[in-house]
Amino acid sequence: MENVRLQKYIADCGICSRRKAEELISQGKIKVNGKVVQELGSKVNPEKDIVMYNDRKITLEENKVYILLNKPIGYVTTVKEQFGRDKVTDLIKVVKERLIPAGRLDMYTSGALILSNDGEFINKLTHPKNEIEKTYNVTIAGVVNNEDCEKLKNGVRINLSNNDEYLTKPAKVKILKIDEEKHLSRIQITIHEGKNREIRKMCEAIGKKVLALHRSKIGNIDVKDLKIGSWRYLTKEEIKILLK
């Protein structure tokens, strides 16, 4: 077997995504043949080298699994949880493989979440250059008008987690329902970015508060036939579509 980049090997072992693996390497948390390696360009031979994370040897996952979950509210998408909160992986206990969520949904957002032990697949799904669309159904306090929608479509300025200002990319926006009596609106927003709490911040930028947020689709794959908290394996055709 030919040498491969260390971060790719870590991802292929199902430990985390490739970008997260780069962080682990930079932080000195990975050992190769007993020595800490922090060079991102480092390569390993999977047949000869011993790679360790948290002083445990990691090995390639032979059986690749690809799962679609309809995430409930109240679950976090972190693989390790230090505050004792419920994790999305707790909902898929019958699967023995180590699963990595493809991106994140915050604790108070429900809907479509893909998990896999295929690090390369996760990397392709989450890399911004691939521009995979995510569609959200948003319940908002107040009445949304066409001017609000145009602002969201063209891009609004939001603050990122590091307090940098960011102009969101153009989005697809559709009004689903206006309830003037209850002073509520339901809209659908489709984006291909994954900034932290982006949909909520976009709505704040037009002076509206999000009351409920549900991701209905990733690409063309939706969760309309999955009950909240349920999951299923992706079909081979769905995996091919996502990778395109």
C-alpha atoms as a PDB file:
ATOM      1  CA  MET A   1       0.000   0.000   0.000  1.00  0.00           C
ATOM      2  CA  GLU A   2       1.337   3.444  -0.937  1.00  0.00           C
ATOM      3  CA  ASN A   3       1.986   6.212   1.552  1.00  0.00           C
ATOM      4  CA  VAL A   4      -0.928   8.559   2.310  1.00  0.00           C
ATOM      5  CA  ARG A   5      -1.189  11.906   4.050  1.00  0.00           C
ATOM      6  CA  LEU A   6      -1.557  11.532   7.796  1.00  0.00           C
ATOM      7  CA  GLN A   7      -4.749  13.596   8.020  1.00  0.00           C
ATOM      8  CA  LYS A   8      -6.383  11.492   5.283  1.00  0.00           C
ATOM      9  CA  TYR A   9      -5.439   8.279   7.071  1.00  0.00           C
ATOM     10  CA  ILE A  10      -6.924   9.546  10.358  1.00  0.00           C
ATOM     11  CA  ALA A  11     -10.167  10.443   8.545  1.00  0.00           C
ATOM     12  CA  ASP A  12     -10.261   7.075   6.764  1.00  0.00           C
ATOM     13  CA  CYS A  13      -9.993   5.403  10.161  1.00  0.00           C
ATOM     14  CA  GLY A  14     -13.262   7.070  11.121  1.00  0.00           C
ATOM     15  CA  ILE A  15     -11.780   9.216  13.897  1.00  0.00           C
ATOM     16  CA  CYS A  16     -12.953  12.583  12.562  1.00  0.00           C
ATOM     17  CA  SER A  17     -13.162  14.660   9.393  1.00  0.00           C
ATOM     18  CA  ARG A  18      -9.965  15.501   7.518  1.00  0.00           C
ATOM     19  CA  ARG A  19     -10.069  19.140   8.624  1.00  0.00           C
ATOM     20  CA  LYS A  20     -10.504  18.107  12.246  1.00  0.00           C
ATOM     21  CA  ALA A  21      -7.618  15.643  11.796  1.00  0.00           C
ATOM     22  CA  GLU A  22      -5.405  18.550  10.721  1.00  0.00           C
ATOM     23  CA  GLU A  23      -6.252  20.288  13.993  1.00  0.00           C
ATOM     24  CA  LEU A  24      -5.360  17.158  16.003  1.00  0.00           C
ATOM     25  CA  ILE A  25      -1.994  16.946  14.219  1.00  0.00           C
ATOM     26  CA  SER A  26      -1.217  20.636  14.775  1.00  0.00           C
ATOM     27  CA  GLN A  27      -2.132  20.259  18.457  1.00  0.00           C
ATOM     28  CA  GLY A  28       0.358  17.421  18.876  1.00  0.00           C
ATOM     29  CA  LYS A  29      -2.295  14.814  19.649  1.00  0.00           C
ATOM     30  CA  ILE A  30      -1.143  12.293  17.022  1.00  0.00           C
ATOM     31  CA  LYS A  31       1.808   9.923  17.319  1.00  0.00           C
ATOM     32  CA  VAL A  32       3.403   7.934  14.520  1.00  0.00           C
ATOM     33  CA  ASN A  33       5.609   5.049  15.609  1.00  0.00           C
ATOM     34  CA  GLY A  34       5.725   6.463  19.142  1.00  0.00           C
ATOM     35  CA  LYS A  35       6.687  10.040  18.167  1.00  0.00           C
ATOM     36  CA  VAL A  36       4.447  13.108  18.092  1.00  0.00           C
ATOM     37  CA  VAL A  37       3.999  14.377  14.533  1.00  0.00           C
ATOM     38  CA  GLN A  38       2.811  17.946  13.920  1.00  0.00           C
ATOM     39  CA  GLU A  39       3.693  18.411  10.252  1.00  0.00           C
ATOM     40  CA  LEU A  40       0.538  18.490   8.098  1.00  0.00           C
ATOM     41  CA  GLY A  41       2.478  17.242   5.065  1.00  0.00           C
ATOM     42  CA  SER A  42       3.538  14.063   6.839  1.00  0.00           C
ATOM     43  CA  LYS A  43       2.757  10.738   5.195  1.00  0.00           C
ATOM     44  CA  VAL A  44       2.316   7.261   6.629  1.00  0.00           C
ATOM     45  CA  ASN A  45       2.317   3.721   5.308  1.00  0.00           C
ATOM     46  CA  PRO A  46      -0.870   2.091   6.657  1.00  0.00           C
ATOM     47  CA  GLU A  47       0.726  -1.363   6.442  1.00  0.00           C
ATOM     48  CA  LYS A  48       3.884  -0.510   8.361  1.00  0.00           C
ATOM     49  CA  ASP A  49       3.382   2.592  10.521  1.00  0.00           C
ATOM     50  CA  ILE A  50       1.576   2.649  13.871  1.00  0.00           C
ATOM     51  CA  VAL A  51      -0.602   5.744  14.247  1.00  0.00           C
ATOM     52  CA  MET A  52      -1.974   6.580  17.691  1.00  0.00           C
ATOM     53  CA  TYR A  53      -4.571   9.040  18.956  1.00  0.00           C
ATOM     54  CA  ASN A  54      -5.034   9.434  22.714  1.00  0.00           C
ATOM     55  CA  ASP A  55      -2.393   6.692  23.070  1.00  0.00           C
ATOM     56  CA  ARG A  56      -4.608   4.192  21.248  1.00  0.00           C
ATOM     57  CA  LYS A  57      -3.740   2.653  17.909  1.00  0.00           C
ATOM     58  CA  ILE A  58      -6.124   3.571  15.128  1.00  0.00           C
ATOM     59  CA  THR A  59      -6.884   1.316  12.170  1.00  0.00           C
ATOM     60  CA  LEU A  60      -8.762   1.603   8.900  1.00  0.00           C
ATOM     61  CA  GLU A  61     -12.504   1.036   8.993  1.00  0.00           C
ATOM     62  CA  GLU A  62     -13.252  -1.841   6.633  1.00  0.00           C
ATOM     63  CA  ASN A  63     -17.050  -1.486   6.594  1.00  0.00           C
ATOM     64  CA  LYS A  64     -18.186   1.946   5.419  1.00  0.00           C
ATOM     65  CA  VAL A  65     -21.614   3.081   6.577  1.00  0.00           C
ATOM     66  CA  TYR A  66     -23.658   6.090   5.476  1.00  0.00           C
ATOM     67  CA  ILE A  67     -26.646   7.166   7.556  1.00  0.00           C
ATOM     68  CA  LEU A  68     -29.389   9.782   7.300  1.00  0.00           C
ATOM     69  CA  LEU A  69     -30.836  10.893  10.650  1.00  0.00           C
ATOM     70  CA  ASN A  70     -33.822  13.120  11.341  1.00  0.00           C
ATOM     71  CA  LYS A  71     -32.271  14.834  14.352  1.00  0.00           C
ATOM     72  CA  PRO A  72     -34.530  15.801  17.261  1.00  0.00           C
ATOM     73  CA  ILE A  73     -34.181  19.036  19.208  1.00  0.00           C
ATOM     74  CA  GLY A  74     -32.049  18.622  22.353  1.00  0.00           C
ATOM     75  CA  TYR A  75     -29.256  16.528  20.839  1.00  0.00           C
ATOM     76  CA  VAL A  76     -25.736  17.788  20.096  1.00  0.00           C
ATOM     77  CA  THR A  77     -23.699  16.781  17.055  1.00  0.00           C
ATOM     78  CA  THR A  78     -20.353  16.514  18.826  1.00  0.00           C
ATOM     79  CA  VAL A  79     -18.764  13.054  18.908  1.00  0.00           C
ATOM     80  CA  LYS A  80     -17.450  13.619  22.444  1.00  0.00           C
ATOM     81  CA  GLU A  81     -19.668  15.424  24.962  1.00  0.00           C
ATOM     82  CA  GLN A  82     -18.095  16.824  28.133  1.00  0.00           C
ATOM     83  CA  PHE A  83     -21.298  18.312  29.607  1.00  0.00           C
ATOM     84  CA  GLY A  84     -23.357  15.125  29.675  1.00  0.00           C
ATOM     85  CA  ARG A  85     -25.804  16.215  26.981  1.00  0.00           C
ATOM     86  CA  ASP A  86     -27.500  13.741  24.643  1.00  0.00           C
ATOM     87  CA  LYS A  87     -25.511  13.078  21.443  1.00  0.00           C
ATOM     88  CA  VAL A  88     -26.900  12.236  18.011  1.00  0.00           C
ATOM     89  CA  THR A  89     -24.812   9.064  18.004  1.00  0.00           C
ATOM     90  CA  ASP A  90     -26.847   7.866  21.026  1.00  0.00           C
ATOM     91  CA  LEU A  91     -29.763   7.471  18.603  1.00  0.00           C
ATOM     92  CA  ILE A  92     -27.846   4.992  16.416  1.00  0.00           C
ATOM     93  CA  LYS A  93     -26.415   2.632  19.027  1.00  0.00           C
ATOM     94  CA  VAL A  94     -27.043  -0.520  16.971  1.00  0.00           C
ATOM     95  CA  VAL A  95     -24.367   0.624  14.487  1.00  0.00           C
ATOM     96  CA  LYS A  96     -20.993  -0.527  15.820  1.00  0.00           C
ATOM     97  CA  GLU A  97     -18.846   1.651  13.554  1.00  0.00           C
ATOM     98  CA  ARG A  98     -17.536   4.993  14.831  1.00  0.00           C
ATOM     99  CA  LEU A  99     -19.755   7.628  13.197  1.00  0.00           C
ATOM    100  CA  ILE A 100     -18.845  11.219  12.360  1.00  0.00           C
ATOM    101  CA  PRO A 101     -21.550  13.841  11.696  1.00  0.00           C
ATOM    102  CA  ALA A 102     -21.147  15.628   8.352  1.00  0.00           C
ATOM    103  CA  GLY A 103     -21.265  19.186   9.639  1.00  0.00           C
ATOM    104  CA  ARG A 104     -23.355  20.302  12.590  1.00  0.00           C
ATOM    105  CA  LEU A 105     -26.842  21.259  13.615  1.00  0.00           C
ATOM    106  CA  ASP A 106     -27.119  23.229  16.824  1.00  0.00           C
ATOM    107  CA  MET A 107     -28.863  21.706  19.832  1.00  0.00           C
ATOM    108  CA  TYR A 108     -32.130  23.522  19.125  1.00  0.00           C
ATOM    109  CA  THR A 109     -32.319  22.697  15.407  1.00  0.00           C
ATOM    110  CA  SER A 110     -33.945  19.532  14.108  1.00  0.00           C
ATOM    111  CA  GLY A 111     -33.744  17.767  10.776  1.00  0.00           C
ATOM    112  CA  ALA A 112     -31.482  16.140   8.220  1.00  0.00           C
ATOM    113  CA  LEU A 113     -28.048  15.080   9.401  1.00  0.00           C
ATOM    114  CA  ILE A 114     -25.735  12.663   7.623  1.00  0.00           C
ATOM    115  CA  LEU A 115     -23.277  10.524   9.590  1.00  0.00           C
ATOM    116  CA  SER A 116     -20.593   8.161   8.325  1.00  0.00           C
ATOM    117  CA  ASN A 117     -17.311   6.495   9.209  1.00  0.00           C
ATOM    118  CA  ASP A 118     -15.934   7.401   5.766  1.00  0.00           C
ATOM    119  CA  GLY A 119     -13.691  10.406   6.378  1.00  0.00           C
ATOM    120  CA  GLU A 120     -13.199  11.147   2.681  1.00  0.00           C
ATOM    121  CA  PHE A 121     -16.966  11.191   2.157  1.00  0.00           C
ATOM    122  CA  ILE A 122     -17.431  13.519   5.154  1.00  0.00           C
ATOM    123  CA  ASN A 123     -14.730  15.820   3.807  1.00  0.00           C
ATOM    124  CA  LYS A 124     -16.425  16.071   0.403  1.00  0.00           C
ATOM    125  CA  LEU A 125     -19.801  16.739   1.987  1.00  0.00           C
ATOM    126  CA  THR A 126     -18.538  19.520   4.245  1.00  0.00           C
ATOM    127  CA  HIS A 127     -15.932  21.224   2.041  1.00  0.00           C
ATOM    128  CA  PRO A 128     -17.228  24.669   0.982  1.00  0.00           C
ATOM    129  CA  LYS A 129     -15.976  24.281  -2.607  1.00  0.00           C
ATOM    130  CA  ASN A 130     -18.495  21.505  -3.275  1.00  0.00           C
ATOM    131  CA  GLU A 131     -21.424  23.848  -2.492  1.00  0.00           C
ATOM    132  CA  ILE A 132     -23.890  21.162  -1.383  1.00  0.00           C
ATOM    133  CA  GLU A 133     -27.233  22.831  -0.735  1.00  0.00           C
ATOM    134  CA  LYS A 134     -28.992  22.623   2.631  1.00  0.00           C
ATOM    135  CA  THR A 135     -32.669  23.544   2.860  1.00  0.00           C
ATOM    136  CA  TYR A 136     -34.243  24.839   6.078  1.00  0.00           C
ATOM    137  CA  ASN A 137     -37.852  25.447   7.097  1.00  0.00           C
ATOM    138  CA  VAL A 138     -37.879  28.441   9.420  1.00  0.00           C
ATOM    139  CA  THR A 139     -40.647  29.634  11.742  1.00  0.00           C
ATOM    140  CA  ILE A 140     -40.214  33.324  12.480  1.00  0.00           C
ATOM    141  CA  ALA A 141     -41.814  35.778  14.913  1.00  0.00           C
ATOM    142  CA  GLY A 142     -43.392  38.548  12.876  1.00  0.00           C
ATOM    143  CA  VAL A 143     -44.564  38.952   9.308  1.00  0.00           C
ATOM    144  CA  VAL A 144     -41.942  38.526   6.602  1.00  0.00           C
ATOM    145  CA  ASN A 145     -42.387  40.560   3.416  1.00  0.00           C
ATOM    146  CA  ASN A 146     -40.867  40.443  -0.072  1.00  0.00           C
ATOM    147  CA  GLU A 147     -38.266  43.065   0.858  1.00  0.00           C
ATOM    148  CA  ASP A 148     -37.022  40.839   3.714  1.00  0.00           C
ATOM    149  CA  CYS A 149     -36.761  37.894   1.317  1.00  0.00           C
ATOM    150  CA  GLU A 150     -34.802  39.925  -1.233  1.00  0.00           C
ATOM    151  CA  LYS A 151     -32.277  40.903   1.438  1.00  0.00           C
ATOM    152  CA  LEU A 152     -31.794  37.248   2.397  1.00  0.00           C
ATOM    153  CA  LYS A 153     -31.504  36.242  -1.250  1.00  0.00           C
ATOM    154  CA  ASN A 154     -28.826  38.833  -2.013  1.00  0.00           C
ATOM    155  CA  GLY A 155     -26.792  38.327   1.171  1.00  0.00           C
ATOM    156  CA  VAL A 156     -26.798  39.967   4.593  1.00  0.00           C
ATOM    157  CA  ARG A 157     -24.012  40.865   6.990  1.00  0.00           C
ATOM    158  CA  ILE A 158     -23.626  38.610  10.036  1.00  0.00           C
ATOM    159  CA  ASN A 159     -21.037  38.286  12.789  1.00  0.00           C
ATOM    160  CA  LEU A 160     -19.053  35.046  12.888  1.00  0.00           C
ATOM    161  CA  SER A 161     -18.019  33.282  16.107  1.00  0.00           C
ATOM    162  CA  ASN A 162     -14.696  35.189  16.056  1.00  0.00           C
ATOM    163  CA  ASN A 163     -16.682  38.464  15.742  1.00  0.00           C
ATOM    164  CA  ASP A 164     -15.543  39.036  12.143  1.00  0.00           C
ATOM    165  CA  GLU A 165     -18.232  40.482   9.900  1.00  0.00           C
ATOM    166  CA  TYR A 166     -19.290  38.258   7.002  1.00  0.00           C
ATOM    167  CA  LEU A 167     -21.535  38.801   3.973  1.00  0.00           C
ATOM    168  CA  THR A 168     -23.573  35.667   3.343  1.00  0.00           C
ATOM    169  CA  LYS A 169     -23.646  34.158  -0.137  1.00  0.00           C
ATOM    170  CA  PRO A 170     -26.841  34.449  -2.228  1.00  0.00           C
ATOM    171  CA  ALA A 171     -29.605  32.174  -0.929  1.00  0.00           C
ATOM    172  CA  LYS A 172     -32.872  30.768  -2.233  1.00  0.00           C
ATOM    173  CA  VAL A 173     -35.812  32.049  -0.201  1.00  0.00           C
ATOM    174  CA  LYS A 174     -39.492  31.142  -0.399  1.00  0.00           C
ATOM    175  CA  ILE A 175     -42.425  32.218   1.772  1.00  0.00           C
ATOM    176  CA  LEU A 176     -44.381  29.136   2.878  1.00  0.00           C
ATOM    177  CA  LYS A 177     -47.035  30.698   5.109  1.00  0.00           C
ATOM    178  CA  ILE A 178     -47.946  34.015   6.709  1.00  0.00           C
ATOM    179  CA  ASP A 179     -50.171  33.990   9.807  1.00  0.00           C
ATOM    180  CA  GLU A 180     -50.995  37.628  10.494  1.00  0.00           C
ATOM    181  CA  GLU A 181     -53.355  36.728  13.341  1.00  0.00           C
ATOM    182  CA  LYS A 182     -50.596  34.905  15.272  1.00  0.00           C
ATOM    183  CA  HIS A 183     -47.955  37.279  13.882  1.00  0.00           C
ATOM    184  CA  LEU A 184     -45.862  34.374  12.554  1.00  0.00           C
ATOM    185  CA  SER A 185     -44.180  33.507   9.264  1.00  0.00           C
ATOM    186  CA  ARG A 186     -42.833  30.262   7.811  1.00  0.00           C
ATOM    187  CA  ILE A 187     -40.196  30.533   5.139  1.00  0.00           C
ATOM    188  CA  GLN A 188     -37.820  28.177   3.371  1.00  0.00           C
ATOM    189  CA  ILE A 189     -34.148  29.120   3.008  1.00  0.00           C
ATOM    190  CA  THR A 190     -31.620  27.164   0.932  1.00  0.00           C
ATOM    191  CA  ILE A 191     -27.904  27.844   1.371  1.00  0.00           C
ATOM    192  CA  HIS A 192     -24.695  26.012   0.523  1.00  0.00           C
ATOM    193  CA  GLU A 193     -22.597  27.400   3.358  1.00  0.00           C
ATOM    194  CA  GLY A 194     -22.217  26.088   6.887  1.00  0.00           C
ATOM    195  CA  LYS A 195     -21.327  29.014   9.118  1.00  0.00           C
ATOM    196  CA  ASN A 196     -22.147  28.642  12.805  1.00  0.00           C
ATOM    197  CA  ARG A 197     -25.858  29.432  13.413  1.00  0.00           C
ATOM    198  CA  GLU A 198     -25.974  31.031   9.957  1.00  0.00           C
ATOM    199  CA  ILE A 199     -29.734  30.813   9.350  1.00  0.00           C
ATOM    200  CA  ARG A 200     -30.527  32.277  12.776  1.00  0.00           C
ATOM    201  CA  LYS A 201     -28.054  35.117  12.236  1.00  0.00           C
ATOM    202  CA  MET A 202     -29.402  35.814   8.743  1.00  0.00           C
ATOM    203  CA  CYS A 203     -32.893  36.239  10.179  1.00  0.00           C
ATOM    204  CA  GLU A 204     -31.551  38.462  12.963  1.00  0.00           C
ATOM    205  CA  ALA A 205     -29.969  40.621  10.258  1.00  0.00           C
ATOM    206  CA  ILE A 206     -33.438  41.444   8.899  1.00  0.00           C
ATOM    207  CA  GLY A 207     -34.779  42.078  12.405  1.00  0.00           C
ATOM    208  CA  LYS A 208     -36.574  38.752  12.833  1.00  0.00           C
ATOM    209  CA  LYS A 209     -36.311  36.115  15.571  1.00  0.00           C
ATOM    210  CA  VAL A 210     -36.277  32.406  14.723  1.00  0.00           C
ATOM    211  CA  LEU A 211     -38.769  30.406  16.801  1.00  0.00           C
ATOM    212  CA  ALA A 212     -38.158  26.995  15.192  1.00  0.00           C
ATOM    213  CA  LEU A 213     -35.597  25.700  12.715  1.00  0.00           C
ATOM    214  CA  HIS A 214     -35.703  22.428  10.800  1.00  0.00           C
ATOM    215  CA  ARG A 215     -33.291  21.265   8.077  1.00  0.00           C
ATOM    216  CA  SER A 216     -35.508  19.441   5.620  1.00  0.00           C
ATOM    217  CA  LYS A 217     -32.969  18.544   2.929  1.00  0.00           C
ATOM    218  CA  ILE A 218     -29.288  17.991   2.219  1.00  0.00           C
ATOM    219  CA  GLY A 219     -28.832  18.209  -1.530  1.00  0.00           C
ATOM    220  CA  ASN A 220     -31.852  16.345  -2.905  1.00  0.00           C
ATOM    221  CA  ILE A 221     -32.119  14.014   0.085  1.00  0.00           C
ATOM    222  CA  ASP A 222     -34.942  14.884   2.478  1.00  0.00           C
ATOM    223  CA  VAL A 223     -36.274  13.535   5.764  1.00  0.00           C
ATOM    224  CA  LYS A 224     -40.000  13.885   5.064  1.00  0.00           C
ATOM    225  CA  ASP A 225     -40.473  10.102   5.348  1.00  0.00           C
ATOM    226  CA  LEU A 226     -38.388   9.805   8.537  1.00  0.00           C
ATOM    227  CA  LYS A 227     -39.924  10.399  11.940  1.00  0.00           C
ATOM    228  CA  ILE A 228     -38.014  12.720  14.256  1.00  0.00           C
ATOM    229  CA  GLY A 229     -35.311  10.649  15.980  1.00  0.00           C
ATOM    230  CA  SER A 230     -35.379   7.934  13.285  1.00  0.00           C
ATOM    231  CA  TRP A 231     -32.611   7.075  10.835  1.00  0.00           C
ATOM    232  CA  ARG A 232     -31.899   4.946   7.780  1.00  0.00           C
ATOM    233  CA  TYR A 233     -28.974   3.946   5.601  1.00  0.00           C
ATOM    234  CA  LEU A 234     -28.352   6.034   2.503  1.00  0.00           C
ATOM    235  CA  THR A 235     -28.784   4.147  -0.752  1.00  0.00           C
ATOM    236  CA  LYS A 236     -25.879   3.706  -3.160  1.00  0.00           C
ATOM    237  CA  GLU A 237     -27.617   6.058  -5.573  1.00  0.00           C
ATOM    238  CA  GLU A 238     -27.978   8.751  -2.903  1.00  0.00           C
ATOM    239  CA  ILE A 239     -24.278   8.469  -2.027  1.00  0.00           C
ATOM    240  CA  LYS A 240     -23.351   8.876  -5.706  1.00  0.00           C
ATOM    241  CA  ILE A 241     -25.595  11.941  -6.011  1.00  0.00           C
ATOM    242  CA  LEU A 242     -24.009  13.569  -2.956  1.00  0.00           C
ATOM    243  CA  LEU A 243     -20.503  12.910  -4.236  1.00  0.00           C
ATOM    244  CA  LYS A 244     -21.298  14.534  -7.572  1.00  0.00           C
END
